[in-house]
Structure formats: C-alpha cells, structure tokens
PDB file of all heavy atoms in Angstrom:
ATOM      1  N   ALA A   1     -39.812 -30.613  15.668  1.00  0.00           N
ATOM      2  CA  ALA A   1     -40.316 -31.182  16.925  1.00  0.00           C
ATOM      3  C   ALA A   1     -39.968 -32.670  17.021  1.00  0.00           C
ATOM      4  O   ALA A   1     -39.570 -33.162  18.087  1.00  0.00           O
ATOM      5  CB  ALA A   1     -41.836 -30.990  17.006  1.00  0.00           C
ATOM      6  N   GLU A   2     -40.097 -33.354  15.902  1.00  0.00           N
ATOM      7  CA  GLU A   2     -39.767 -34.784  15.853  1.00  0.00           C
ATOM      8  C   GLU A   2     -38.275 -34.992  16.112  1.00  0.00           C
ATOM      9  O   GLU A   2     -37.876 -35.887  16.870  1.00  0.00           O
ATOM     10  CB  GLU A   2     -40.145 -35.343  14.478  1.00  0.00           C
ATOM     11  CG  GLU A   2     -39.841 -36.825  14.303  1.00  0.00           C
ATOM     12  CD  GLU A   2     -40.150 -37.311  12.890  1.00  0.00           C
ATOM     13  OE1 GLU A   2     -40.722 -36.539  12.084  1.00  0.00           O
ATOM     14  OE2 GLU A   2     -39.779 -38.464  12.583  1.00  0.00           O
ATOM     15  N   GLY A   3     -37.447 -34.159  15.468  1.00  0.00           N
ATOM     16  CA  GLY A   3     -36.005 -34.284  15.639  1.00  0.00           C
ATOM     17  C   GLY A   3     -35.553 -34.008  17.059  1.00  0.00           C
ATOM     18  O   GLY A   3     -34.658 -34.679  17.586  1.00  0.00           O
ATOM     19  N   ILE A   4     -36.173 -33.017  17.692  1.00  0.00           N
ATOM     20  CA  ILE A   4     -35.853 -32.698  19.092  1.00  0.00           C
ATOM     21  C   ILE A   4     -36.285 -33.842  20.007  1.00  0.00           C
ATOM     22  O   ILE A   4     -35.540 -34.252  20.907  1.00  0.00           O
ATOM     23  CB  ILE A   4     -36.540 -31.381  19.508  1.00  0.00           C
ATOM     24  CG1 ILE A   4     -35.899 -30.206  18.753  1.00  0.00           C
ATOM     25  CG2 ILE A   4     -36.423 -31.162  21.021  1.00  0.00           C
ATOM     26  CD1 ILE A   4     -36.653 -28.897  18.904  1.00  0.00           C
ATOM     27  N   LYS A   5     -37.463 -34.368  19.769  1.00  0.00           N
ATOM     28  CA  LYS A   5     -37.984 -35.465  20.581  1.00  0.00           C
ATOM     29  C   LYS A   5     -37.101 -36.702  20.488  1.00  0.00           C
ATOM     30  O   LYS A   5     -36.874 -37.403  21.480  1.00  0.00           O
ATOM     31  CB  LYS A   5     -39.410 -35.808  20.129  1.00  0.00           C
ATOM     32  CG  LYS A   5     -40.081 -36.883  20.975  1.00  0.00           C
ATOM     33  CD  LYS A   5     -41.501 -37.130  20.494  1.00  0.00           C
ATOM     34  CE  LYS A   5     -42.168 -38.213  21.346  1.00  0.00           C
ATOM     35  NZ  LYS A   5     -43.557 -38.480  20.885  1.00  0.00           N
ATOM     36  N   GLU A   6     -36.588 -36.971  19.286  1.00  0.00           N
ATOM     37  CA  GLU A   6     -35.740 -38.148  19.074  1.00  0.00           C
ATOM     38  C   GLU A   6     -34.298 -37.913  19.516  1.00  0.00           C
ATOM     39  O   GLU A   6     -33.482 -38.841  19.495  1.00  0.00           O
ATOM     40  CB  GLU A   6     -35.749 -38.536  17.594  1.00  0.00           C
ATOM     41  CG  GLU A   6     -37.096 -39.052  17.108  1.00  0.00           C
ATOM     42  CD  GLU A   6     -37.090 -39.385  15.629  1.00  0.00           C
ATOM     43  OE1 GLU A   6     -36.057 -39.100  14.975  1.00  0.00           O
ATOM     44  OE2 GLU A   6     -38.081 -39.929  15.132  1.00  0.00           O
ATOM     45  N   GLY A   7     -33.989 -36.671  19.894  1.00  0.00           N
ATOM     46  CA  GLY A   7     -32.643 -36.360  20.331  1.00  0.00           C
ATOM     47  C   GLY A   7     -31.671 -36.129  19.186  1.00  0.00           C
ATOM     48  O   GLY A   7     -30.454 -36.076  19.383  1.00  0.00           O
ATOM     49  N   ARG A   8     -32.191 -35.950  17.987  1.00  0.00           N
ATOM     50  CA  ARG A   8     -31.340 -35.733  16.810  1.00  0.00           C
ATOM     51  C   ARG A   8     -31.010 -34.254  16.638  1.00  0.00           C
ATOM     52  O   ARG A   8     -29.979 -33.905  16.055  1.00  0.00           O
ATOM     53  CB  ARG A   8     -32.018 -36.273  15.551  1.00  0.00           C
ATOM     54  CG  ARG A   8     -32.404 -37.738  15.624  1.00  0.00           C
ATOM     55  CD  ARG A   8     -32.961 -38.254  14.311  1.00  0.00           C
ATOM     56  NE  ARG A   8     -31.901 -38.401  13.312  1.00  0.00           N
ATOM     57  CZ  ARG A   8     -31.158 -39.486  13.182  1.00  0.00           C
ATOM     58  NH1 ARG A   8     -31.340 -40.510  14.006  1.00  0.00           N
ATOM     59  NH2 ARG A   8     -30.232 -39.559  12.251  1.00  0.00           N
ATOM     60  N   PHE A   9     -31.900 -33.393  17.126  1.00  0.00           N
ATOM     61  CA  PHE A   9     -31.684 -31.945  17.049  1.00  0.00           C
ATOM     62  C   PHE A   9     -31.542 -31.371  18.456  1.00  0.00           C
ATOM     63  O   PHE A   9     -32.138 -31.895  19.409  1.00  0.00           O
ATOM     64  CB  PHE A   9     -32.862 -31.246  16.363  1.00  0.00           C
ATOM     65  CG  PHE A   9     -33.072 -31.621  14.921  1.00  0.00           C
ATOM     66  CD1 PHE A   9     -34.313 -31.443  14.319  1.00  0.00           C
ATOM     67  CD2 PHE A   9     -32.036 -32.137  14.150  1.00  0.00           C
ATOM     68  CE1 PHE A   9     -34.515 -31.787  12.991  1.00  0.00           C
ATOM     69  CE2 PHE A   9     -32.232 -32.473  12.824  1.00  0.00           C
ATOM     70  CZ  PHE A   9     -33.481 -32.303  12.242  1.00  0.00           C
ATOM     71  N   ARG A  10     -30.783 -30.299  18.567  1.00  0.00           N
ATOM     72  CA  ARG A  10     -30.658 -29.613  19.850  1.00  0.00           C
ATOM     73  C   ARG A  10     -31.981 -28.941  20.211  1.00  0.00           C
ATOM     74  O   ARG A  10     -32.792 -28.637  19.339  1.00  0.00           O
ATOM     75  CB  ARG A  10     -29.536 -28.590  19.778  1.00  0.00           C
ATOM     76  CG  ARG A  10     -28.151 -29.233  19.628  1.00  0.00           C
ATOM     77  CD  ARG A  10     -27.119 -28.228  19.197  1.00  0.00           C
ATOM     78  NE  ARG A  10     -26.893 -27.213  20.219  1.00  0.00           N
ATOM     79  CZ  ARG A  10     -26.118 -26.150  20.037  1.00  0.00           C
ATOM     80  NH1 ARG A  10     -25.525 -25.952  18.870  1.00  0.00           N
ATOM     81  NH2 ARG A  10     -25.950 -25.278  20.998  1.00  0.00           N
ATOM     82  N   LYS A  11     -32.148 -28.661  21.495  1.00  0.00           N
ATOM     83  CA  LYS A  11     -33.435 -28.145  21.976  1.00  0.00           C
ATOM     84  C   LYS A  11     -33.540 -26.626  21.814  1.00  0.00           C
ATOM     85  O   LYS A  11     -33.494 -25.866  22.786  1.00  0.00           O
ATOM     86  CB  LYS A  11     -33.647 -28.537  23.434  1.00  0.00           C
ATOM     87  CG  LYS A  11     -33.858 -30.030  23.631  1.00  0.00           C
ATOM     88  CD  LYS A  11     -34.139 -30.373  25.088  1.00  0.00           C
ATOM     89  CE  LYS A  11     -34.374 -31.869  25.252  1.00  0.00           C
ATOM     90  NZ  LYS A  11     -34.651 -32.233  26.683  1.00  0.00           N
ATOM     91  N   PHE A  12     -33.701 -26.202  20.581  1.00  0.00           N
ATOM     92  CA  PHE A  12     -33.980 -24.799  20.295  1.00  0.00           C
ATOM     93  C   PHE A  12     -35.483 -24.627  20.146  1.00  0.00           C
ATOM     94  O   PHE A  12     -36.220 -25.597  19.920  1.00  0.00           O
ATOM     95  CB  PHE A  12     -33.303 -24.360  18.995  1.00  0.00           C
ATOM     96  CG  PHE A  12     -31.807 -24.233  19.097  1.00  0.00           C
ATOM     97  CD1 PHE A  12     -30.979 -25.092  18.394  1.00  0.00           C
ATOM     98  CD2 PHE A  12     -31.227 -23.244  19.888  1.00  0.00           C
ATOM     99  CE1 PHE A  12     -29.599 -24.974  18.479  1.00  0.00           C
ATOM    100  CE2 PHE A  12     -29.848 -23.116  19.972  1.00  0.00           C
ATOM    101  CZ  PHE A  12     -29.033 -23.988  19.268  1.00  0.00           C
ATOM    102  N   ASP A  13     -35.944 -23.384  20.262  1.00  0.00           N
ATOM    103  CA  ASP A  13     -37.351 -23.094  20.024  1.00  0.00           C
ATOM    104  C   ASP A  13     -37.671 -23.428  18.564  1.00  0.00           C
ATOM    105  O   ASP A  13     -36.972 -22.990  17.640  1.00  0.00           O
ATOM    106  CB  ASP A  13     -37.606 -21.605  20.293  1.00  0.00           C
ATOM    107  CG  ASP A  13     -39.088 -21.247  20.224  1.00  0.00           C
ATOM    108  OD1 ASP A  13     -39.683 -21.412  19.137  1.00  0.00           O
ATOM    109  OD2 ASP A  13     -39.622 -20.782  21.233  1.00  0.00           O
ATOM    110  N   VAL A  14     -38.733 -24.206  18.355  1.00  0.00           N
ATOM    111  CA  VAL A  14     -39.107 -24.636  17.006  1.00  0.00           C
ATOM    112  C   VAL A  14     -39.355 -23.444  16.088  1.00  0.00           C
ATOM    113  O   VAL A  14     -38.972 -23.468  14.915  1.00  0.00           O
ATOM    114  CB  VAL A  14     -40.345 -25.555  17.055  1.00  0.00           C
ATOM    115  CG1 VAL A  14     -40.894 -25.801  15.645  1.00  0.00           C
ATOM    116  CG2 VAL A  14     -39.992 -26.877  17.706  1.00  0.00           C
ATOM    117  N   LYS A  15     -39.984 -22.396  16.608  1.00  0.00           N
ATOM    118  CA  LYS A  15     -40.259 -21.211  15.789  1.00  0.00           C
ATOM    119  C   LYS A  15     -38.963 -20.563  15.303  1.00  0.00           C
ATOM    120  O   LYS A  15     -38.878 -20.084  14.173  1.00  0.00           O
ATOM    121  CB  LYS A  15     -41.092 -20.200  16.584  1.00  0.00           C
ATOM    122  CG  LYS A  15     -42.513 -20.650  16.865  1.00  0.00           C
ATOM    123  CD  LYS A  15     -43.278 -19.588  17.635  1.00  0.00           C
ATOM    124  CE  LYS A  15     -44.708 -20.034  17.909  1.00  0.00           C
ATOM    125  NZ  LYS A  15     -45.460 -19.015  18.681  1.00  0.00           N
ATOM    126  N   ASP A  16     -37.934 -20.561  16.167  1.00  0.00           N
ATOM    127  CA  ASP A  16     -36.648 -19.989  15.779  1.00  0.00           C
ATOM    128  C   ASP A  16     -35.995 -20.835  14.687  1.00  0.00           C
ATOM    129  O   ASP A  16     -35.373 -20.298  13.760  1.00  0.00           O
ATOM    130  CB  ASP A  16     -35.713 -19.903  16.990  1.00  0.00           C
ATOM    131  CG  ASP A  16     -36.156 -18.854  17.998  1.00  0.00           C
ATOM    132  OD1 ASP A  16     -36.887 -17.926  17.601  1.00  0.00           O
ATOM    133  OD2 ASP A  16     -35.780 -18.969  19.184  1.00  0.00           O
ATOM    134  N   LEU A  17     -36.133 -22.142  14.788  1.00  0.00           N
ATOM    135  CA  LEU A  17     -35.554 -23.037  13.788  1.00  0.00           C
ATOM    136  C   LEU A  17     -36.225 -22.861  12.427  1.00  0.00           C
ATOM    137  O   LEU A  17     -35.557 -22.843  11.391  1.00  0.00           O
ATOM    138  CB  LEU A  17     -35.684 -24.497  14.256  1.00  0.00           C
ATOM    139  CG  LEU A  17     -34.822 -24.882  15.463  1.00  0.00           C
ATOM    140  CD1 LEU A  17     -35.194 -26.282  15.952  1.00  0.00           C
ATOM    141  CD2 LEU A  17     -33.343 -24.816  15.114  1.00  0.00           C
ATOM    142  N   ILE A  18     -37.545 -22.708  12.448  1.00  0.00           N
ATOM    143  CA  ILE A  18     -38.284 -22.488  11.198  1.00  0.00           C
ATOM    144  C   ILE A  18     -37.848 -21.183  10.556  1.00  0.00           C
ATOM    145  O   ILE A  18     -37.591 -21.111   9.345  1.00  0.00           O
ATOM    146  CB  ILE A  18     -39.810 -22.453  11.459  1.00  0.00           C
ATOM    147  CG1 ILE A  18     -40.308 -23.799  11.975  1.00  0.00           C
ATOM    148  CG2 ILE A  18     -40.567 -22.080  10.175  1.00  0.00           C
ATOM    149  CD1 ILE A  18     -41.732 -23.762  12.504  1.00  0.00           C
ATOM    150  N   THR A  19     -37.727 -20.137  11.374  1.00  0.00           N
ATOM    151  CA  THR A  19     -37.316 -18.827  10.874  1.00  0.00           C
ATOM    152  C   THR A  19     -35.914 -18.892  10.284  1.00  0.00           C
ATOM    153  O   THR A  19     -35.648 -18.321   9.213  1.00  0.00           O
ATOM    154  CB  THR A  19     -37.354 -17.780  12.000  1.00  0.00           C
ATOM    155  OG1 THR A  19     -38.700 -17.687  12.501  1.00  0.00           O
ATOM    156  CG2 THR A  19     -36.915 -16.411  11.491  1.00  0.00           C
ATOM    157  N   ALA A  20     -35.007 -19.582  10.968  1.00  0.00           N
ATOM    158  CA  ALA A  20     -33.632 -19.704  10.485  1.00  0.00           C
ATOM    159  C   ALA A  20     -33.582 -20.464   9.162  1.00  0.00           C
ATOM    160  O   ALA A  20     -32.869 -20.061   8.232  1.00  0.00           O
ATOM    161  CB  ALA A  20     -32.775 -20.418  11.528  1.00  0.00           C
ATOM    162  N   LEU A  21     -34.327 -21.546   9.060  1.00  0.00           N
ATOM    163  CA  LEU A  21     -34.346 -22.333   7.829  1.00  0.00           C
ATOM    164  C   LEU A  21     -34.917 -21.517   6.669  1.00  0.00           C
ATOM    165  O   LEU A  21     -34.328 -21.462   5.585  1.00  0.00           O
ATOM    166  CB  LEU A  21     -35.180 -23.607   8.018  1.00  0.00           C
ATOM    167  CG  LEU A  21     -35.311 -24.506   6.779  1.00  0.00           C
ATOM    168  CD1 LEU A  21     -33.947 -25.049   6.372  1.00  0.00           C
ATOM    169  CD2 LEU A  21     -36.278 -25.657   7.049  1.00  0.00           C
ATOM    170  N   ASN A  22     -36.059 -20.884   6.904  1.00  0.00           N
ATOM    171  CA  ASN A  22     -36.671 -20.052   5.859  1.00  0.00           C
ATOM    172  C   ASN A  22     -35.739 -18.926   5.435  1.00  0.00           C
ATOM    173  O   ASN A  22     -35.631 -18.601   4.252  1.00  0.00           O
ATOM    174  CB  ASN A  22     -37.989 -19.447   6.363  1.00  0.00           C
ATOM    175  CG  ASN A  22     -39.086 -20.482   6.494  1.00  0.00           C
ATOM    176  OD1 ASN A  22     -38.948 -21.603   6.005  1.00  0.00           O
ATOM    177  ND2 ASN A  22     -40.162 -20.124   7.148  1.00  0.00           N
ATOM    178  N   GLY A  23     -35.073 -18.338   6.412  1.00  0.00           N
ATOM    179  CA  GLY A  23     -34.186 -17.225   6.131  1.00  0.00           C
ATOM    180  C   GLY A  23     -33.049 -17.601   5.197  1.00  0.00           C
ATOM    181  O   GLY A  23     -32.784 -16.902   4.221  1.00  0.00           O
ATOM    182  N   ILE A  24     -32.393 -18.711   5.479  1.00  0.00           N
ATOM    183  CA  ILE A  24     -31.236 -19.100   4.666  1.00  0.00           C
ATOM    184  C   ILE A  24     -31.668 -19.537   3.267  1.00  0.00           C
ATOM    185  O   ILE A  24     -30.970 -19.284   2.284  1.00  0.00           O
ATOM    186  CB  ILE A  24     -30.413 -20.212   5.368  1.00  0.00           C
ATOM    187  CG1 ILE A  24     -29.041 -20.341   4.697  1.00  0.00           C
ATOM    188  CG2 ILE A  24     -31.140 -21.537   5.385  1.00  0.00           C
ATOM    189  CD1 ILE A  24     -28.078 -21.243   5.454  1.00  0.00           C
ATOM    190  N   ILE A  25     -32.839 -20.170   3.158  1.00  0.00           N
ATOM    191  CA  ILE A  25     -33.336 -20.587   1.838  1.00  0.00           C
ATOM    192  C   ILE A  25     -33.721 -19.372   0.998  1.00  0.00           C
ATOM    193  O   ILE A  25     -33.258 -19.186  -0.126  1.00  0.00           O
ATOM    194  CB  ILE A  25     -34.559 -21.517   1.967  1.00  0.00           C
ATOM    195  CG1 ILE A  25     -34.175 -22.843   2.617  1.00  0.00           C
ATOM    196  CG2 ILE A  25     -35.184 -21.776   0.582  1.00  0.00           C
ATOM    197  CD1 ILE A  25     -35.368 -23.730   2.971  1.00  0.00           C
ATOM    198  N   HIS A  26     -34.575 -18.534   1.562  1.00  0.00           N
ATOM    199  CA  HIS A  26     -35.140 -17.426   0.798  1.00  0.00           C
ATOM    200  C   HIS A  26     -34.124 -16.313   0.536  1.00  0.00           C
ATOM    201  O   HIS A  26     -34.212 -15.630  -0.485  1.00  0.00           O
ATOM    202  CB  HIS A  26     -36.390 -16.900   1.493  1.00  0.00           C
ATOM    203  CG  HIS A  26     -37.458 -17.935   1.638  1.00  0.00           C
ATOM    204  ND1 HIS A  26     -37.878 -18.712   0.576  1.00  0.00           N
ATOM    205  CD2 HIS A  26     -38.181 -18.359   2.706  1.00  0.00           C
ATOM    206  CE1 HIS A  26     -38.810 -19.555   0.989  1.00  0.00           C
ATOM    207  NE2 HIS A  26     -39.002 -19.363   2.275  1.00  0.00           N
ATOM    208  N   ALA A  27     -33.145 -16.164   1.428  1.00  0.00           N
ATOM    209  CA  ALA A  27     -32.103 -15.162   1.192  1.00  0.00           C
ATOM    210  C   ALA A  27     -31.285 -15.536  -0.042  1.00  0.00           C
ATOM    211  O   ALA A  27     -30.922 -14.663  -0.845  1.00  0.00           O
ATOM    212  CB  ALA A  27     -31.192 -15.043   2.409  1.00  0.00           C
ATOM    213  N   HIS A  28     -30.990 -16.815  -0.209  1.00  0.00           N
ATOM    214  CA  HIS A  28     -30.279 -17.261  -1.404  1.00  0.00           C
ATOM    215  C   HIS A  28     -31.103 -16.962  -2.661  1.00  0.00           C
ATOM    216  O   HIS A  28     -30.579 -16.488  -3.668  1.00  0.00           O
ATOM    217  CB  HIS A  28     -29.999 -18.772  -1.327  1.00  0.00           C
ATOM    218  CG  HIS A  28     -28.697 -19.115  -0.692  1.00  0.00           C
ATOM    219  ND1 HIS A  28     -28.497 -19.045   0.671  1.00  0.00           N
ATOM    220  CD2 HIS A  28     -27.515 -19.518  -1.229  1.00  0.00           C
ATOM    221  CE1 HIS A  28     -27.256 -19.403   0.947  1.00  0.00           C
ATOM    222  NE2 HIS A  28     -26.635 -19.698  -0.184  1.00  0.00           N
ATOM    223  N   ALA A  29     -32.402 -17.263  -2.577  1.00  0.00           N
ATOM    224  CA  ALA A  29     -33.275 -17.053  -3.738  1.00  0.00           C
ATOM    225  C   ALA A  29     -33.389 -15.575  -4.089  1.00  0.00           C
ATOM    226  O   ALA A  29     -33.295 -15.196  -5.264  1.00  0.00           O
ATOM    227  CB  ALA A  29     -34.651 -17.630  -3.452  1.00  0.00           C
ATOM    228  N   VAL A  30     -33.575 -14.732  -3.085  1.00  0.00           N
ATOM    229  CA  VAL A  30     -33.717 -13.291  -3.311  1.00  0.00           C
ATOM    230  C   VAL A  30     -32.454 -12.725  -3.954  1.00  0.00           C
ATOM    231  O   VAL A  30     -32.522 -11.941  -4.906  1.00  0.00           O
ATOM    232  CB  VAL A  30     -34.004 -12.555  -1.982  1.00  0.00           C
ATOM    233  CG1 VAL A  30     -33.931 -11.048  -2.190  1.00  0.00           C
ATOM    234  CG2 VAL A  30     -35.390 -12.933  -1.466  1.00  0.00           C
TER     235      VAL A  30
END
C-alpha cells in the first residue's frame, strides 16, 4: 500500500500482490 501510494509500485490489488509474493517464496521452499 505504501509503495503504491508513493508511486513506486504499479496499482495492483494489494491482496493479489501478497498472494503472488507468498506464492513465489513458499513454492521455492516446498
């Protein structure tokens, strides 16, 4: 949310971004 507000991140749904981040991290671990 901070990154989107500052214009550093593109305006994607925050929930989708969290899911994508968790997915790539945990998939590597699994």
